[in-house]
Amino acid sequence: MKYLELKIPPLLLLVLFMAAAWLIATLSPQAGQRLLADPALNAGAVVLAVMGAYFALQGVWQFKKASTTVDPIHAERASALVTSGIYARTRNPMYLGFVLMLTAWSVALGIMQSLWVVPVFVLYLNEFQIKPEERILLEKYPDAFAAYCKQTGRWWR
C-alpha cells in the first residue's frame, strides 16, 4: 500500500479522542471527584484551548490565502507549499492546535488518567496523518519541501 488507504478526517479524530478522554474520566475510580478542580488549572485549560483554536485557524487561514486545499484526506490536491505565517514556526499548526485543544479538554475533565489520550493522539497523527502527507508533499515539491523541513520543525521550530 503506497499510502494509508483509510484516513480519518482530523476533526473527527479529535472528537473521537475527546470522547475517549471523557470515557476514561467517567469510568475512572475518581469519577465524581475532580482531581484537578484547581481554578488555576481550569484557567490553564482555557488558555490551552484558545491557543489551540488560534493555531488551527491560522493554519486554515494561511491555506485559504494560498488557495490550496485544507483537506488532509486528499493531500495530493495541494496546489501550493505554504511556508509563511504560522507555517514558518510549525509544519502542522492545525494538528498542533488539535493537540492543545485535546490537552485542554483532558485537563478540564479533571481526571489525570484522561491525559493519556494526548500522547496516543500525537503518535496517531504522526504515523497516520503527518507522515503520509509529508511523503506526498516531498513528491510534489521535492527540493522546496526538503528545505522547508530542515528549517521548520514538525511541531515547532
N, C-alpha and C. Protein backbone atom coordinates (compact mmCIF):
# COMPACT_ATOMS: atom_id res chain seq x y z
N MET A 1 0.85 -1.17 0.00
CA MET A 1 0.00 0.00 0.00
C MET A 1 0.90 1.24 0.00
N LYS A 2 0.75 2.09 -1.02
CA LYS A 2 1.61 3.26 -1.16
C LYS A 2 1.42 4.25 -0.01
N TYR A 3 0.18 4.61 0.26
CA TYR A 3 -0.16 5.48 1.37
C TYR A 3 -1.33 4.85 2.11
N LEU A 4 -1.50 5.24 3.32
CA LEU A 4 -2.60 4.70 4.10
C LEU A 4 -3.91 4.93 3.36
N GLU A 5 -4.62 3.87 3.08
CA GLU A 5 -5.87 3.97 2.31
C GLU A 5 -7.01 4.57 3.13
N LEU A 6 -7.12 4.15 4.37
CA LEU A 6 -8.20 4.63 5.21
C LEU A 6 -7.69 5.80 6.05
N LYS A 7 -8.22 6.98 5.77
CA LYS A 7 -7.84 8.15 6.55
C LYS A 7 -9.07 8.67 7.26
N ILE A 8 -8.89 9.03 8.49
CA ILE A 8 -9.97 9.60 9.29
C ILE A 8 -9.80 11.12 9.25
N PRO A 9 -10.84 11.85 8.93
CA PRO A 9 -10.71 13.31 8.96
C PRO A 9 -10.22 13.76 10.34
N PRO A 10 -9.20 14.62 10.38
CA PRO A 10 -8.60 15.01 11.66
C PRO A 10 -9.59 15.60 12.67
N LEU A 11 -10.56 16.37 12.21
CA LEU A 11 -11.53 16.93 13.14
C LEU A 11 -12.36 15.83 13.78
N LEU A 12 -12.74 14.83 13.00
CA LEU A 12 -13.46 13.67 13.55
C LEU A 12 -12.56 12.91 14.52
N LEU A 13 -11.30 12.78 14.17
CA LEU A 13 -10.33 12.12 15.04
C LEU A 13 -10.23 12.84 16.39
N LEU A 14 -10.19 14.17 16.34
CA LEU A 14 -10.15 14.95 17.58
C LEU A 14 -11.38 14.67 18.43
N VAL A 15 -12.55 14.66 17.81
CA VAL A 15 -13.79 14.39 18.55
C VAL A 15 -13.76 12.98 19.16
N LEU A 16 -13.26 12.00 18.41
CA LEU A 16 -13.18 10.63 18.93
C LEU A 16 -12.23 10.56 20.14
N PHE A 17 -11.09 11.24 20.07
CA PHE A 17 -10.16 11.23 21.19
C PHE A 17 -10.71 12.02 22.38
N MET A 18 -11.46 13.08 22.12
CA MET A 18 -12.12 13.80 23.22
C MET A 18 -13.14 12.90 23.90
N ALA A 19 -13.87 12.13 23.10
CA ALA A 19 -14.83 11.19 23.67
C ALA A 19 -14.11 10.12 24.50
N ALA A 20 -12.96 9.67 24.01
CA ALA A 20 -12.18 8.68 24.76
C ALA A 20 -11.71 9.26 26.10
N ALA A 21 -11.26 10.51 26.09
CA ALA A 21 -10.83 11.16 27.33
C ALA A 21 -12.01 11.26 28.31
N TRP A 22 -13.16 11.64 27.79
CA TRP A 22 -14.36 11.73 28.63
C TRP A 22 -14.73 10.37 29.21
N LEU A 23 -14.65 9.34 28.37
CA LEU A 23 -14.98 7.99 28.82
C LEU A 23 -14.02 7.53 29.92
N ILE A 24 -12.74 7.79 29.72
CA ILE A 24 -11.74 7.44 30.74
C ILE A 24 -12.05 8.17 32.04
N ALA A 25 -12.36 9.47 31.95
CA ALA A 25 -12.66 10.25 33.15
C ALA A 25 -13.93 9.73 33.84
N THR A 26 -14.91 9.36 33.03
CA THR A 26 -16.18 8.88 33.58
C THR A 26 -16.03 7.52 34.25
N LEU A 27 -15.22 6.65 33.67
CA LEU A 27 -15.05 5.31 34.21
C LEU A 27 -13.95 5.22 35.27
N SER A 28 -13.25 6.30 35.46
CA SER A 28 -12.16 6.32 36.44
C SER A 28 -12.71 6.12 37.86
N PRO A 29 -11.93 5.46 38.71
CA PRO A 29 -12.35 5.33 40.11
C PRO A 29 -12.55 6.68 40.79
N GLN A 30 -11.90 7.71 40.27
CA GLN A 30 -12.03 9.05 40.84
C GLN A 30 -13.19 9.84 40.23
N ALA A 31 -13.95 9.24 39.32
CA ALA A 31 -15.08 9.95 38.70
C ALA A 31 -15.98 10.50 39.79
N GLY A 32 -16.42 11.70 39.61
CA GLY A 32 -17.27 12.33 40.61
C GLY A 32 -16.49 13.19 41.58
N GLN A 33 -15.20 13.02 41.62
CA GLN A 33 -14.36 13.87 42.47
C GLN A 33 -13.19 14.37 41.62
N ARG A 34 -13.39 15.49 41.01
CA ARG A 34 -12.39 16.04 40.10
C ARG A 34 -11.08 16.26 40.85
N LEU A 35 -10.04 15.62 40.37
CA LEU A 35 -8.73 15.76 41.00
C LEU A 35 -8.06 17.08 40.63
N LEU A 36 -8.41 17.60 39.48
CA LEU A 36 -7.76 18.81 39.00
C LEU A 36 -8.74 19.99 39.04
N ALA A 37 -9.49 20.12 40.10
CA ALA A 37 -10.50 21.16 40.18
C ALA A 37 -9.92 22.53 40.53
N ASP A 38 -8.65 22.64 40.59
CA ASP A 38 -7.97 23.89 40.90
C ASP A 38 -8.33 24.96 39.85
N PRO A 39 -8.76 26.14 40.29
CA PRO A 39 -9.13 27.20 39.33
C PRO A 39 -7.97 27.58 38.39
N ALA A 40 -6.75 27.51 38.89
CA ALA A 40 -5.60 27.84 38.03
C ALA A 40 -5.47 26.82 36.90
N LEU A 41 -5.73 25.55 37.18
CA LEU A 41 -5.68 24.54 36.13
C LEU A 41 -6.82 24.73 35.13
N ASN A 42 -7.97 25.10 35.63
CA ASN A 42 -9.09 25.37 34.73
C ASN A 42 -8.79 26.57 33.84
N ALA A 43 -8.17 27.59 34.40
CA ALA A 43 -7.78 28.75 33.61
C ALA A 43 -6.73 28.34 32.58
N GLY A 44 -5.82 27.46 32.99
CA GLY A 44 -4.82 26.95 32.06
C GLY A 44 -5.45 26.18 30.92
N ALA A 45 -6.50 25.44 31.22
CA ALA A 45 -7.22 24.70 30.18
C ALA A 45 -7.83 25.67 29.17
N VAL A 46 -8.39 26.76 29.66
CA VAL A 46 -8.97 27.76 28.76
C VAL A 46 -7.88 28.37 27.87
N VAL A 47 -6.75 28.70 28.47
CA VAL A 47 -5.64 29.27 27.70
C VAL A 47 -5.17 28.28 26.62
N LEU A 48 -5.03 27.02 26.98
CA LEU A 48 -4.63 26.00 26.01
C LEU A 48 -5.65 25.87 24.88
N ALA A 49 -6.92 25.90 25.23
CA ALA A 49 -7.97 25.78 24.21
C ALA A 49 -7.94 26.97 23.25
N VAL A 50 -7.77 28.16 23.79
CA VAL A 50 -7.71 29.35 22.94
C VAL A 50 -6.47 29.31 22.05
N MET A 51 -5.34 28.93 22.62
CA MET A 51 -4.12 28.80 21.80
C MET A 51 -4.31 27.76 20.70
N GLY A 52 -4.93 26.64 21.06
CA GLY A 52 -5.17 25.60 20.07
C GLY A 52 -6.05 26.08 18.94
N ALA A 53 -7.12 26.77 19.27
CA ALA A 53 -8.02 27.31 18.25
C ALA A 53 -7.28 28.32 17.38
N TYR A 54 -6.44 29.14 18.00
CA TYR A 54 -5.66 30.13 17.25
C TYR A 54 -4.74 29.45 16.23
N PHE A 55 -3.97 28.46 16.68
CA PHE A 55 -3.05 27.77 15.76
C PHE A 55 -3.81 27.11 14.61
N ALA A 56 -4.89 26.41 14.95
CA ALA A 56 -5.66 25.71 13.92
C ALA A 56 -6.25 26.69 12.91
N LEU A 57 -6.83 27.77 13.40
CA LEU A 57 -7.44 28.75 12.50
C LEU A 57 -6.39 29.49 11.67
N GLN A 58 -5.23 29.76 12.26
CA GLN A 58 -4.15 30.38 11.49
C GLN A 58 -3.71 29.47 10.35
N GLY A 59 -3.62 28.18 10.62
CA GLY A 59 -3.25 27.23 9.58
C GLY A 59 -4.26 27.22 8.44
N VAL A 60 -5.53 27.18 8.79
CA VAL A 60 -6.59 27.20 7.77
C VAL A 60 -6.52 28.50 6.98
N TRP A 61 -6.37 29.61 7.67
CA TRP A 61 -6.32 30.91 7.00
C TRP A 61 -5.16 30.99 6.02
N GLN A 62 -3.99 30.50 6.42
CA GLN A 62 -2.83 30.52 5.51
C GLN A 62 -3.08 29.67 4.27
N PHE A 63 -3.72 28.52 4.44
CA PHE A 63 -4.04 27.67 3.29
C PHE A 63 -5.04 28.37 2.37
N LYS A 64 -6.06 28.98 2.94
CA LYS A 64 -7.06 29.70 2.14
C LYS A 64 -6.40 30.85 1.40
N LYS A 65 -5.51 31.55 2.08
CA LYS A 65 -4.79 32.68 1.47
C LYS A 65 -3.96 32.22 0.27
N ALA A 66 -3.40 31.02 0.37
CA ALA A 66 -2.59 30.46 -0.71
C ALA A 66 -3.46 29.71 -1.74
N SER A 67 -4.76 29.69 -1.53
CA SER A 67 -5.71 28.99 -2.42
C SER A 67 -5.36 27.52 -2.62
N THR A 68 -5.02 26.86 -1.52
CA THR A 68 -4.74 25.43 -1.57
C THR A 68 -5.70 24.69 -0.65
N THR A 69 -5.79 23.41 -0.80
CA THR A 69 -6.75 22.61 -0.04
C THR A 69 -6.36 22.48 1.44
N VAL A 70 -7.38 22.47 2.28
CA VAL A 70 -7.16 22.20 3.71
C VAL A 70 -7.55 20.76 4.02
N ASP A 71 -7.93 20.01 3.01
CA ASP A 71 -8.40 18.64 3.17
C ASP A 71 -7.21 17.67 3.23
N PRO A 72 -6.84 17.19 4.43
CA PRO A 72 -5.69 16.29 4.54
C PRO A 72 -5.97 14.90 4.00
N ILE A 73 -7.23 14.58 3.77
CA ILE A 73 -7.57 13.27 3.21
C ILE A 73 -7.09 13.20 1.76
N HIS A 74 -7.03 14.35 1.12
CA HIS A 74 -6.59 14.42 -0.28
C HIS A 74 -5.42 15.40 -0.40
N ALA A 75 -4.35 15.11 0.31
CA ALA A 75 -3.18 15.99 0.30
C ALA A 75 -2.58 16.13 -1.08
N GLU A 76 -2.82 15.14 -1.94
CA GLU A 76 -2.29 15.21 -3.30
C GLU A 76 -2.90 16.36 -4.09
N ARG A 77 -4.00 16.93 -3.62
CA ARG A 77 -4.64 18.07 -4.28
C ARG A 77 -3.99 19.40 -3.91
N ALA A 78 -2.97 19.37 -3.08
CA ALA A 78 -2.30 20.61 -2.69
C ALA A 78 -1.79 21.32 -3.93
N SER A 79 -2.09 22.61 -4.01
CA SER A 79 -1.67 23.39 -5.17
C SER A 79 -0.55 24.36 -4.83
N ALA A 80 -0.17 24.39 -3.55
CA ALA A 80 0.91 25.28 -3.11
C ALA A 80 1.53 24.72 -1.84
N LEU A 81 2.81 24.99 -1.68
CA LEU A 81 3.50 24.65 -0.44
C LEU A 81 3.51 25.90 0.42
N VAL A 82 2.80 25.88 1.52
CA VAL A 82 2.67 27.05 2.38
C VAL A 82 3.76 27.00 3.44
N THR A 83 4.60 28.04 3.45
CA THR A 83 5.72 28.08 4.40
C THR A 83 5.78 29.41 5.17
N SER A 84 4.82 30.27 4.94
CA SER A 84 4.83 31.58 5.60
C SER A 84 3.81 31.62 6.73
N GLY A 85 3.80 32.75 7.43
CA GLY A 85 2.87 32.90 8.55
C GLY A 85 3.18 31.89 9.63
N ILE A 86 2.15 31.25 10.17
CA ILE A 86 2.32 30.26 11.23
C ILE A 86 3.15 29.07 10.74
N TYR A 87 3.13 28.83 9.43
CA TYR A 87 3.89 27.71 8.86
C TYR A 87 5.40 27.96 8.89
N ALA A 88 5.83 29.17 9.21
CA ALA A 88 7.26 29.42 9.40
C ALA A 88 7.72 28.90 10.76
N ARG A 89 6.77 28.62 11.66
CA ARG A 89 7.08 28.13 13.01
C ARG A 89 6.79 26.64 13.18
N THR A 90 5.79 26.14 12.50
CA THR A 90 5.40 24.74 12.62
C THR A 90 4.86 24.24 11.29
N ARG A 91 5.21 23.02 10.94
CA ARG A 91 4.69 22.44 9.70
C ARG A 91 3.25 21.98 9.86
N ASN A 92 2.77 21.90 11.08
CA ASN A 92 1.44 21.35 11.34
C ASN A 92 0.65 22.18 12.35
N PRO A 93 0.37 23.43 12.03
CA PRO A 93 -0.35 24.25 13.03
C PRO A 93 -1.75 23.74 13.34
N MET A 94 -2.42 23.17 12.35
CA MET A 94 -3.77 22.66 12.62
C MET A 94 -3.71 21.48 13.59
N TYR A 95 -2.77 20.57 13.35
CA TYR A 95 -2.63 19.42 14.25
C TYR A 95 -2.14 19.86 15.62
N LEU A 96 -1.22 20.81 15.66
CA LEU A 96 -0.75 21.34 16.93
C LEU A 96 -1.93 21.95 17.70
N GLY A 97 -2.77 22.67 16.99
CA GLY A 97 -3.96 23.25 17.61
C GLY A 97 -4.87 22.18 18.18
N PHE A 98 -5.05 21.08 17.43
CA PHE A 98 -5.88 19.99 17.91
C PHE A 98 -5.29 19.35 19.16
N VAL A 99 -3.97 19.20 19.19
CA VAL A 99 -3.31 18.62 20.37
C VAL A 99 -3.53 19.52 21.59
N LEU A 100 -3.40 20.82 21.39
CA LEU A 100 -3.62 21.75 22.51
C LEU A 100 -5.08 21.71 22.97
N MET A 101 -6.01 21.63 22.04
CA MET A 101 -7.43 21.56 22.42
C MET A 101 -7.75 20.26 23.16
N LEU A 102 -7.17 19.16 22.70
CA LEU A 102 -7.39 17.88 23.38
C LEU A 102 -6.78 17.91 24.78
N THR A 103 -5.62 18.51 24.91
CA THR A 103 -4.98 18.65 26.23
C THR A 103 -5.86 19.50 27.13
N ALA A 104 -6.37 20.61 26.60
CA ALA A 104 -7.25 21.48 27.38
C ALA A 104 -8.49 20.73 27.86
N TRP A 105 -9.08 19.96 26.97
CA TRP A 105 -10.28 19.18 27.31
C TRP A 105 -9.95 18.17 28.41
N SER A 106 -8.83 17.49 28.27
CA SER A 106 -8.44 16.47 29.26
C SER A 106 -8.19 17.10 30.61
N VAL A 107 -7.56 18.26 30.63
CA VAL A 107 -7.33 18.97 31.89
C VAL A 107 -8.67 19.42 32.48
N ALA A 108 -9.54 19.94 31.65
CA ALA A 108 -10.85 20.41 32.13
C ALA A 108 -11.69 19.28 32.71
N LEU A 109 -11.50 18.07 32.21
CA LEU A 109 -12.25 16.93 32.77
C LEU A 109 -11.86 16.68 34.21
N GLY A 110 -10.64 17.05 34.57
CA GLY A 110 -10.23 16.99 35.96
C GLY A 110 -9.77 15.63 36.46
N ILE A 111 -9.60 14.68 35.58
CA ILE A 111 -9.13 13.34 35.97
C ILE A 111 -7.82 13.09 35.24
N MET A 112 -6.77 12.91 36.00
CA MET A 112 -5.42 12.77 35.42
C MET A 112 -5.34 11.69 34.33
N GLN A 113 -6.01 10.58 34.53
CA GLN A 113 -5.93 9.47 33.58
C GLN A 113 -6.40 9.87 32.18
N SER A 114 -7.28 10.86 32.08
CA SER A 114 -7.77 11.26 30.76
C SER A 114 -6.68 11.91 29.92
N LEU A 115 -5.61 12.34 30.56
CA LEU A 115 -4.49 12.95 29.81
C LEU A 115 -3.73 11.92 28.97
N TRP A 116 -3.93 10.64 29.25
CA TRP A 116 -3.22 9.60 28.49
C TRP A 116 -3.61 9.59 27.01
N VAL A 117 -4.75 10.15 26.68
CA VAL A 117 -5.16 10.16 25.28
C VAL A 117 -4.28 11.09 24.44
N VAL A 118 -3.67 12.09 25.08
CA VAL A 118 -2.89 13.09 24.33
C VAL A 118 -1.68 12.47 23.64
N PRO A 119 -0.79 11.74 24.33
CA PRO A 119 0.34 11.15 23.61
C PRO A 119 -0.09 10.12 22.56
N VAL A 120 -1.18 9.41 22.81
CA VAL A 120 -1.68 8.45 21.82
C VAL A 120 -2.15 9.21 20.57
N PHE A 121 -2.82 10.33 20.78
CA PHE A 121 -3.28 11.18 19.68
C PHE A 121 -2.09 11.68 18.86
N VAL A 122 -1.05 12.14 19.53
CA VAL A 122 0.15 12.63 18.84
C VAL A 122 0.80 11.50 18.04
N LEU A 123 0.93 10.33 18.63
CA LEU A 123 1.51 9.19 17.92
C LEU A 123 0.68 8.84 16.69
N TYR A 124 -0.63 8.82 16.84
CA TYR A 124 -1.51 8.52 15.72
C TYR A 124 -1.34 9.56 14.61
N LEU A 125 -1.38 10.84 14.99
CA LEU A 125 -1.21 11.90 14.00
C LEU A 125 0.10 11.76 13.25
N ASN A 126 1.19 11.52 13.99
CA ASN A 126 2.49 11.38 13.35
C ASN A 126 2.51 10.26 12.33
N GLU A 127 2.01 9.11 12.71
CA GLU A 127 2.10 7.92 11.85
C GLU A 127 1.10 7.89 10.71
N PHE A 128 -0.14 8.24 10.99
CA PHE A 128 -1.21 8.01 10.02
C PHE A 128 -1.73 9.26 9.32
N GLN A 129 -1.33 10.42 9.78
CA GLN A 129 -1.75 11.66 9.13
C GLN A 129 -0.53 12.38 8.56
N ILE A 130 0.41 12.72 9.43
CA ILE A 130 1.51 13.60 9.03
C ILE A 130 2.49 12.92 8.08
N LYS A 131 2.97 11.75 8.43
CA LYS A 131 3.96 11.09 7.56
C LYS A 131 3.44 10.84 6.14
N PRO A 132 2.21 10.33 5.97
CA PRO A 132 1.70 10.17 4.60
C PRO A 132 1.57 11.52 3.87
N GLU A 133 1.13 12.56 4.58
CA GLU A 133 1.03 13.89 3.96
C GLU A 133 2.40 14.40 3.54
N GLU A 134 3.38 14.19 4.41
CA GLU A 134 4.74 14.66 4.09
C GLU A 134 5.33 13.91 2.90
N ARG A 135 5.03 12.63 2.77
CA ARG A 135 5.52 11.89 1.60
C ARG A 135 4.95 12.48 0.31
N ILE A 136 3.68 12.82 0.34
CA ILE A 136 3.03 13.42 -0.83
C ILE A 136 3.67 14.77 -1.15
N LEU A 137 3.88 15.60 -0.14
CA LEU A 137 4.47 16.91 -0.37
C LEU A 137 5.91 16.80 -0.86
N LEU A 138 6.63 15.81 -0.38
CA LEU A 138 8.00 15.60 -0.84
C LEU A 138 8.02 15.19 -2.31
N GLU A 139 7.03 14.41 -2.72
CA GLU A 139 6.94 14.03 -4.14
C GLU A 139 6.57 15.23 -5.01
N LYS A 140 5.65 16.05 -4.52
CA LYS A 140 5.18 17.21 -5.30
C LYS A 140 6.18 18.35 -5.34
N TYR A 141 6.85 18.58 -4.22
CA TYR A 141 7.77 19.72 -4.09
C TYR A 141 9.09 19.24 -3.48
N PRO A 142 9.84 18.39 -4.19
CA PRO A 142 10.99 17.72 -3.57
C PRO A 142 12.02 18.67 -2.95
N ASP A 143 12.52 19.61 -3.68
CA ASP A 143 13.57 20.48 -3.14
C ASP A 143 13.01 21.47 -2.12
N ALA A 144 11.89 22.10 -2.46
CA ALA A 144 11.31 23.11 -1.58
C ALA A 144 10.84 22.50 -0.25
N PHE A 145 10.21 21.33 -0.31
CA PHE A 145 9.72 20.72 0.93
C PHE A 145 10.87 20.21 1.78
N ALA A 146 11.90 19.64 1.16
CA ALA A 146 13.07 19.18 1.92
C ALA A 146 13.74 20.35 2.64
N ALA A 147 13.88 21.47 1.96
CA ALA A 147 14.48 22.66 2.58
C ALA A 147 13.59 23.17 3.71
N TYR A 148 12.30 23.18 3.49
CA TYR A 148 11.35 23.63 4.50
C TYR A 148 11.42 22.75 5.74
N CYS A 149 11.52 21.44 5.57
CA CYS A 149 11.62 20.52 6.70
C CYS A 149 12.88 20.75 7.51
N LYS A 150 13.96 21.15 6.84
CA LYS A 150 15.22 21.41 7.55
C LYS A 150 15.12 22.66 8.43
N GLN A 151 14.32 23.62 8.00
CA GLN A 151 14.27 24.88 8.75
C GLN A 151 13.08 24.98 9.71
N THR A 152 12.06 24.14 9.52
CA THR A 152 10.86 24.24 10.34
C THR A 152 10.51 22.87 10.92
N GLY A 153 10.33 22.80 12.22
CA GLY A 153 10.02 21.55 12.87
C GLY A 153 8.61 21.07 12.59
N ARG A 154 8.42 19.79 12.74
CA ARG A 154 7.09 19.19 12.54
C ARG A 154 6.07 19.80 13.49
N TRP A 155 6.45 19.96 14.74
CA TRP A 155 5.53 20.51 15.73
C TRP A 155 5.85 21.95 16.09
N TRP A 156 7.12 22.30 16.17
CA TRP A 156 7.51 23.68 16.47
C TRP A 156 8.98 23.84 16.13
N ARG A 157 9.31 25.01 15.68
CA ARG A 157 10.69 25.31 15.29
C ARG A 157 11.58 25.46 16.46
